[in-house]
Amino acid sequence: MTYKNKKRQFKDATRFACDMLKESKFLVIVISIISIIALLTGIIVAIKTRSSFSHLDGYGVVDVRTGGLTTSFFTRLFSMLFIALILLGCSFSIYIFPIGILFLSYRAYLLGLNVCLLIIRYGFSGVVISVIVAFPCQLLALIILGTFFILMTKTIKDYKCFGGCRVPQQRAKLIVFTFLSLMIICIVESVFLVLFSAKFILII
């Protein structure tokens, strides 16, 4: 396959995803609002309970300097893939669709909670790791999972209504792209954690 063909396929896939998201504006808005509320709830809970959390030993904390990075990498990756698998299953039926939103919300809640606890617990170093590494990487993963959920729901619904061969092909590409994206995020996050010799809290 030539570079030009690859570029055209990428543009086609991107256009397909954008069209699906545009047609699912209401769903995008609802999931975004719920996730933001869950994220803010996690931050508020961390602030209000900081005295109790700050004295807990080993509250999900992984210290890169003492090892455990490889284990945490696979833990984070498998956690993301597990959520993606649940979202995939929930996208097949409107009756279990809310469960997928619940899992996305819970992950958003954990993101706000753990990032805030990291700052409370480690001060300036916690701010650096949160702002540069933990928050952007995990937020990007959350966005990818949410987009995956919306696109899978839309494509499955369209396939049930209209059939066709193009949708299943795009759906398979979407699954592969999501897996690769989550793996790349985990790799990048791990590299930054090593560079900063960081302490971080697992979001699982």
C-alpha atoms as a PDB file:
ATOM      1  CA  MET A   1       0.000   0.000   0.000  1.00  0.00           C
ATOM      2  CA  THR A   2       1.419   3.355  -1.030  1.00  0.00           C
ATOM      3  CA  TYR A   3       1.731   6.366   1.241  1.00  0.00           C
ATOM      4  CA  LYS A   4      -0.956   8.150  -0.786  1.00  0.00           C
ATOM      5  CA  ASN A   5      -3.402   5.263  -0.298  1.00  0.00           C
ATOM      6  CA  LYS A   6      -2.694   5.138   3.427  1.00  0.00           C
ATOM      7  CA  LYS A   7      -3.245   8.862   3.688  1.00  0.00           C
ATOM      8  CA  ARG A   8      -6.535   8.599   1.819  1.00  0.00           C
ATOM      9  CA  GLN A   9      -7.717   5.739   4.039  1.00  0.00           C
ATOM     10  CA  PHE A  10      -6.831   7.751   7.135  1.00  0.00           C
ATOM     11  CA  LYS A  11      -8.793  10.732   5.818  1.00  0.00           C
ATOM     12  CA  ASP A  12     -11.760   8.499   5.032  1.00  0.00           C
ATOM     13  CA  ALA A  13     -11.701   6.991   8.515  1.00  0.00           C
ATOM     14  CA  THR A  14     -11.360  10.437  10.122  1.00  0.00           C
ATOM     15  CA  ARG A  15     -14.228  11.804   8.045  1.00  0.00           C
ATOM     16  CA  PHE A  16     -16.347   8.782   8.954  1.00  0.00           C
ATOM     17  CA  ALA A  17     -15.678   9.305  12.688  1.00  0.00           C
ATOM     18  CA  CYS A  18     -16.386  13.053  12.490  1.00  0.00           C
ATOM     19  CA  ASP A  19     -19.665  12.443  10.653  1.00  0.00           C
ATOM     20  CA  MET A  20     -20.733   9.905  13.255  1.00  0.00           C
ATOM     21  CA  LEU A  21     -19.930  12.311  16.098  1.00  0.00           C
ATOM     22  CA  LYS A  22     -21.838  15.127  14.393  1.00  0.00           C
ATOM     23  CA  GLU A  23     -24.864  12.873  14.092  1.00  0.00           C
ATOM     24  CA  SER A  24     -24.537  11.999  17.797  1.00  0.00           C
ATOM     25  CA  LYS A  25     -24.283  15.567  19.145  1.00  0.00           C
ATOM     26  CA  PHE A  26     -26.849  15.012  21.872  1.00  0.00           C
ATOM     27  CA  LEU A  27     -25.048  11.896  23.133  1.00  0.00           C
ATOM     28  CA  VAL A  28     -21.695  13.681  23.031  1.00  0.00           C
ATOM     29  CA  ILE A  29     -23.076  16.571  25.085  1.00  0.00           C
ATOM     30  CA  VAL A  30     -24.745  14.299  27.657  1.00  0.00           C
ATOM     31  CA  ILE A  31     -21.670  12.117  28.211  1.00  0.00           C
ATOM     32  CA  SER A  32     -19.399  15.180  28.357  1.00  0.00           C
ATOM     33  CA  ILE A  33     -21.553  16.891  30.984  1.00  0.00           C
ATOM     34  CA  ILE A  34     -21.845  13.754  33.125  1.00  0.00           C
ATOM     35  CA  SER A  35     -18.074  13.138  32.906  1.00  0.00           C
ATOM     36  CA  ILE A  36     -17.262  16.741  33.873  1.00  0.00           C
ATOM     37  CA  ILE A  37     -19.614  16.531  36.850  1.00  0.00           C
ATOM     38  CA  ALA A  38     -17.972  13.237  37.918  1.00  0.00           C
ATOM     39  CA  LEU A  39     -14.503  14.764  37.520  1.00  0.00           C
ATOM     40  CA  LEU A  40     -15.419  17.782  39.654  1.00  0.00           C
ATOM     41  CA  THR A  41     -17.057  15.492  42.218  1.00  0.00           C
ATOM     42  CA  GLY A  42     -13.797  13.565  42.547  1.00  0.00           C
ATOM     43  CA  ILE A  43     -11.894  16.800  43.128  1.00  0.00           C
ATOM     44  CA  ILE A  44     -14.396  18.002  45.748  1.00  0.00           C
ATOM     45  CA  VAL A  45     -14.342  14.659  47.573  1.00  0.00           C
ATOM     46  CA  ALA A  46     -10.517  14.686  47.630  1.00  0.00           C
ATOM     47  CA  ILE A  47     -10.437  18.221  49.033  1.00  0.00           C
ATOM     48  CA  LYS A  48     -13.051  17.555  51.706  1.00  0.00           C
ATOM     49  CA  THR A  49     -11.471  14.268  52.825  1.00  0.00           C
ATOM     50  CA  ARG A  50      -7.805  15.233  52.372  1.00  0.00           C
ATOM     51  CA  SER A  51      -7.025  14.798  56.053  1.00  0.00           C
ATOM     52  CA  SER A  52      -8.069  11.148  56.062  1.00  0.00           C
ATOM     53  CA  PHE A  53      -6.556  10.282  52.680  1.00  0.00           C
ATOM     54  CA  SER A  54      -3.255  12.035  53.362  1.00  0.00           C
ATOM     55  CA  HIS A  55      -2.510   9.693  56.265  1.00  0.00           C
ATOM     56  CA  LEU A  56      -3.257   6.500  54.369  1.00  0.00           C
ATOM     57  CA  ASP A  57      -0.183   4.461  53.567  1.00  0.00           C
ATOM     58  CA  GLY A  58       0.110   3.195  50.041  1.00  0.00           C
ATOM     59  CA  TYR A  59      -3.193   4.533  48.752  1.00  0.00           C
ATOM     60  CA  GLY A  60      -2.632   3.216  45.226  1.00  0.00           C
ATOM     61  CA  VAL A  61       0.753   4.940  45.169  1.00  0.00           C
ATOM     62  CA  VAL A  62       3.457   3.601  42.859  1.00  0.00           C
ATOM     63  CA  ASP A  63       6.977   4.930  43.316  1.00  0.00           C
ATOM     64  CA  VAL A  64       8.925   4.628  40.081  1.00  0.00           C
ATOM     65  CA  ARG A  65      12.226   4.843  41.945  1.00  0.00           C
ATOM     66  CA  THR A  66      11.479   1.638  43.856  1.00  0.00           C
ATOM     67  CA  GLY A  67      10.303  -0.300  40.802  1.00  0.00           C
ATOM     68  CA  GLY A  68       6.848  -1.460  39.906  1.00  0.00           C
ATOM     69  CA  LEU A  69       6.627   0.595  36.718  1.00  0.00           C
ATOM     70  CA  THR A  70       6.281  -2.459  34.467  1.00  0.00           C
ATOM     71  CA  THR A  71       3.515  -3.869  36.644  1.00  0.00           C
ATOM     72  CA  SER A  72       1.738  -0.515  36.766  1.00  0.00           C
ATOM     73  CA  PHE A  73       2.021  -0.173  32.975  1.00  0.00           C
ATOM     74  CA  PHE A  74       0.164  -3.419  32.372  1.00  0.00           C
ATOM     75  CA  THR A  75      -2.270  -2.612  35.188  1.00  0.00           C
ATOM     76  CA  ARG A  76      -3.143   0.731  33.569  1.00  0.00           C
ATOM     77  CA  LEU A  77      -3.345  -0.779  30.088  1.00  0.00           C
ATOM     78  CA  PHE A  78      -5.506  -3.732  31.142  1.00  0.00           C
ATOM     79  CA  SER A  79      -7.718  -1.379  33.139  1.00  0.00           C
ATOM     80  CA  MET A  80      -8.316   0.790  30.059  1.00  0.00           C
ATOM     81  CA  LEU A  81      -8.894  -2.233  27.845  1.00  0.00           C
ATOM     82  CA  PHE A  82     -11.299  -3.692  30.387  1.00  0.00           C
ATOM     83  CA  ILE A  83     -13.314  -0.454  30.354  1.00  0.00           C
ATOM     84  CA  ALA A  84     -13.211  -0.445  26.533  1.00  0.00           C
ATOM     85  CA  LEU A  85     -14.512  -4.031  26.509  1.00  0.00           C
ATOM     86  CA  ILE A  86     -17.374  -3.114  28.828  1.00  0.00           C
ATOM     87  CA  LEU A  87     -18.196  -0.086  26.673  1.00  0.00           C
ATOM     88  CA  LEU A  88     -18.184  -2.302  23.598  1.00  0.00           C
ATOM     89  CA  GLY A  89     -20.672  -4.660  25.215  1.00  0.00           C
ATOM     90  CA  CYS A  90     -22.875  -1.810  26.439  1.00  0.00           C
ATOM     91  CA  SER A  91     -23.011  -0.276  22.963  1.00  0.00           C
ATOM     92  CA  PHE A  92     -25.001  -3.232  21.613  1.00  0.00           C
ATOM     93  CA  SER A  93     -28.190  -2.539  23.558  1.00  0.00           C
ATOM     94  CA  ILE A  94     -29.987   0.579  24.700  1.00  0.00           C
ATOM     95  CA  TYR A  95     -30.990  -1.244  27.885  1.00  0.00           C
ATOM     96  CA  ILE A  96     -27.419  -1.622  29.144  1.00  0.00           C
ATOM     97  CA  PHE A  97     -26.165   1.588  27.526  1.00  0.00           C
ATOM     98  CA  PRO A  98     -26.398   3.530  30.851  1.00  0.00           C
ATOM     99  CA  ILE A  99     -23.921   1.075  32.389  1.00  0.00           C
ATOM    100  CA  GLY A 100     -21.311   2.282  29.908  1.00  0.00           C
ATOM    101  CA  ILE A 101     -21.966   5.894  30.907  1.00  0.00           C
ATOM    102  CA  LEU A 102     -21.655   4.844  34.555  1.00  0.00           C
ATOM    103  CA  PHE A 103     -18.202   3.328  33.944  1.00  0.00           C
ATOM    104  CA  LEU A 104     -17.030   6.423  32.074  1.00  0.00           C
ATOM    105  CA  SER A 105     -18.297   8.602  34.911  1.00  0.00           C
ATOM    106  CA  TYR A 106     -16.551   6.464  37.511  1.00  0.00           C
ATOM    107  CA  ARG A 107     -13.265   6.743  35.639  1.00  0.00           C
ATOM    108  CA  ALA A 108     -13.712  10.521  35.403  1.00  0.00           C
ATOM    109  CA  TYR A 109     -14.415  10.587  39.148  1.00  0.00           C
ATOM    110  CA  LEU A 110     -11.233   8.614  39.869  1.00  0.00           C
ATOM    111  CA  LEU A 111      -9.244  10.950  37.646  1.00  0.00           C
ATOM    112  CA  GLY A 112     -10.353  14.016  39.605  1.00  0.00           C
ATOM    113  CA  LEU A 113      -9.957  12.251  42.956  1.00  0.00           C
ATOM    114  CA  ASN A 114      -6.505  10.760  42.396  1.00  0.00           C
ATOM    115  CA  VAL A 115      -4.954  13.781  40.693  1.00  0.00           C
ATOM    116  CA  CYS A 116      -6.165  16.015  43.511  1.00  0.00           C
ATOM    117  CA  LEU A 117      -4.908  13.559  46.152  1.00  0.00           C
ATOM    118  CA  LEU A 118      -1.545  13.450  44.394  1.00  0.00           C
ATOM    119  CA  ILE A 119      -1.262  17.226  44.733  1.00  0.00           C
ATOM    120  CA  ILE A 120      -2.428  17.198  48.368  1.00  0.00           C
ATOM    121  CA  ARG A 121      -0.061  14.421  49.309  1.00  0.00           C
ATOM    122  CA  TYR A 122       3.135  15.518  47.521  1.00  0.00           C
ATOM    123  CA  GLY A 123       2.756  19.264  47.106  1.00  0.00           C
ATOM    124  CA  PHE A 124       4.827  20.833  44.329  1.00  0.00           C
ATOM    125  CA  SER A 125       6.082  17.521  42.941  1.00  0.00           C
ATOM    126  CA  GLY A 126       2.502  16.294  42.891  1.00  0.00           C
ATOM    127  CA  VAL A 127       1.463  19.382  40.936  1.00  0.00           C
ATOM    128  CA  VAL A 128       4.218  18.784  38.369  1.00  0.00           C
ATOM    129  CA  ILE A 129       3.334  15.124  37.853  1.00  0.00           C
ATOM    130  CA  SER A 130      -0.385  15.881  37.752  1.00  0.00           C
ATOM    131  CA  VAL A 131      -0.174  18.773  35.289  1.00  0.00           C
ATOM    132  CA  ILE A 132       2.477  17.333  32.962  1.00  0.00           C
ATOM    133  CA  VAL A 133       1.820  13.588  33.131  1.00  0.00           C
ATOM    134  CA  ALA A 134      -1.151  12.129  34.992  1.00  0.00           C
ATOM    135  CA  PHE A 135      -3.984  14.504  34.145  1.00  0.00           C
ATOM    136  CA  PRO A 136      -3.346  15.031  30.396  1.00  0.00           C
ATOM    137  CA  CYS A 137      -2.616  11.348  29.715  1.00  0.00           C
ATOM    138  CA  GLN A 138      -5.576  10.025  31.672  1.00  0.00           C
ATOM    139  CA  LEU A 139      -7.892  12.735  30.341  1.00  0.00           C
ATOM    140  CA  LEU A 140      -6.886  11.833  26.783  1.00  0.00           C
ATOM    141  CA  ALA A 141      -7.545   8.164  27.549  1.00  0.00           C
ATOM    142  CA  LEU A 142     -10.969   9.095  28.934  1.00  0.00           C
ATOM    143  CA  ILE A 143     -11.781  11.095  25.786  1.00  0.00           C
ATOM    144  CA  ILE A 144     -10.702   8.194  23.572  1.00  0.00           C
ATOM    145  CA  LEU A 145     -12.847   5.757  25.573  1.00  0.00           C
ATOM    146  CA  GLY A 146     -15.821   8.098  25.421  1.00  0.00           C
ATOM    147  CA  THR A 147     -15.398   8.624  21.678  1.00  0.00           C
ATOM    148  CA  PHE A 148     -15.062   4.882  21.180  1.00  0.00           C
ATOM    149  CA  PHE A 149     -18.285   4.294  23.107  1.00  0.00           C
ATOM    150  CA  ILE A 150     -20.238   6.884  21.131  1.00  0.00           C
ATOM    151  CA  LEU A 151     -18.954   5.719  17.747  1.00  0.00           C
ATOM    152  CA  MET A 152     -19.580   2.060  18.507  1.00  0.00           C
ATOM    153  CA  THR A 153     -23.116   2.829  19.661  1.00  0.00           C
ATOM    154  CA  LYS A 154     -23.812   4.857  16.529  1.00  0.00           C
ATOM    155  CA  THR A 155     -22.326   2.366  14.071  1.00  0.00           C
ATOM    156  CA  ILE A 156     -24.107  -0.603  15.656  1.00  0.00           C
ATOM    157  CA  LYS A 157     -27.407   1.284  15.578  1.00  0.00           C
ATOM    158  CA  ASP A 158     -26.894   2.237  11.922  1.00  0.00           C
ATOM    159  CA  TYR A 159     -25.950  -1.312  10.996  1.00  0.00           C
ATOM    160  CA  LYS A 160     -29.111  -2.682  12.614  1.00  0.00           C
ATOM    161  CA  CYS A 161     -31.200  -0.122  10.722  1.00  0.00           C
ATOM    162  CA  PHE A 162     -29.511  -0.012   7.319  1.00  0.00           C
ATOM    163  CA  GLY A 163     -27.051  -2.918   7.114  1.00  0.00           C
ATOM    164  CA  GLY A 164     -24.171  -2.631   4.636  1.00  0.00           C
ATOM    165  CA  CYS A 165     -20.546  -3.729   4.655  1.00  0.00           C
ATOM    166  CA  ARG A 166     -18.824  -0.396   5.255  1.00  0.00           C
ATOM    167  CA  VAL A 167     -19.902  -0.009   8.872  1.00  0.00           C
ATOM    168  CA  PRO A 168     -18.466  -3.345  10.153  1.00  0.00           C
ATOM    169  CA  GLN A 169     -15.150  -2.538   8.465  1.00  0.00           C
ATOM    170  CA  GLN A 170     -14.995   0.885  10.082  1.00  0.00           C
ATOM    171  CA  ARG A 171     -16.005  -0.660  13.400  1.00  0.00           C
ATOM    172  CA  ALA A 172     -13.086  -3.106  13.252  1.00  0.00           C
ATOM    173  CA  LYS A 173     -10.718  -0.250  12.442  1.00  0.00           C
ATOM    174  CA  LEU A 174     -12.132   1.713  15.365  1.00  0.00           C
ATOM    175  CA  ILE A 175     -11.416  -1.144  17.773  1.00  0.00           C
ATOM    176  CA  VAL A 176      -7.834  -1.501  16.524  1.00  0.00           C
ATOM    177  CA  PHE A 177      -7.261   2.265  16.628  1.00  0.00           C
ATOM    178  CA  THR A 178      -8.605   2.491  20.187  1.00  0.00           C
ATOM    179  CA  PHE A 179      -6.365  -0.353  21.384  1.00  0.00           C
ATOM    180  CA  LEU A 180      -3.267   1.185  19.788  1.00  0.00           C
ATOM    181  CA  SER A 181      -4.093   4.654  21.114  1.00  0.00           C
ATOM    182  CA  LEU A 182      -4.519   3.429  24.688  1.00  0.00           C
ATOM    183  CA  MET A 183      -1.278   1.466  24.495  1.00  0.00           C
ATOM    184  CA  ILE A 184       0.603   4.506  23.181  1.00  0.00           C
ATOM    185  CA  ILE A 185      -0.820   6.643  25.990  1.00  0.00           C
ATOM    186  CA  CYS A 186       0.395   4.124  28.586  1.00  0.00           C
ATOM    187  CA  ILE A 187       3.848   4.026  26.992  1.00  0.00           C
ATOM    188  CA  VAL A 188       4.158   7.823  26.855  1.00  0.00           C
ATOM    189  CA  GLU A 189       2.905   8.148  30.420  1.00  0.00           C
ATOM    190  CA  SER A 190       5.422   5.547  31.620  1.00  0.00           C
ATOM    191  CA  VAL A 191       8.294   7.324  29.853  1.00  0.00           C
ATOM    192  CA  PHE A 192       7.428  10.621  31.528  1.00  0.00           C
ATOM    193  CA  LEU A 193       7.067   8.944  34.915  1.00  0.00           C
ATOM    194  CA  VAL A 194      10.569   7.497  34.545  1.00  0.00           C
ATOM    195  CA  LEU A 195      11.994  10.862  33.478  1.00  0.00           C
ATOM    196  CA  PHE A 196      10.519  12.543  36.553  1.00  0.00           C
ATOM    197  CA  SER A 197      11.244   9.596  38.894  1.00  0.00           C
ATOM    198  CA  ALA A 198       7.645  10.096  39.917  1.00  0.00           C
ATOM    199  CA  LYS A 199       5.226   8.887  42.488  1.00  0.00           C
ATOM    200  CA  PHE A 200       1.732   8.486  41.118  1.00  0.00           C
ATOM    201  CA  ILE A 201      -1.643   7.005  41.962  1.00  0.00           C
ATOM    202  CA  LEU A 202      -3.080   4.313  39.727  1.00  0.00           C
ATOM    203  CA  ILE A 203      -6.388   5.132  38.060  1.00  0.00           C
ATOM    204  CA  ILE A 204      -8.045   1.751  37.598  1.00  0.00           C
END
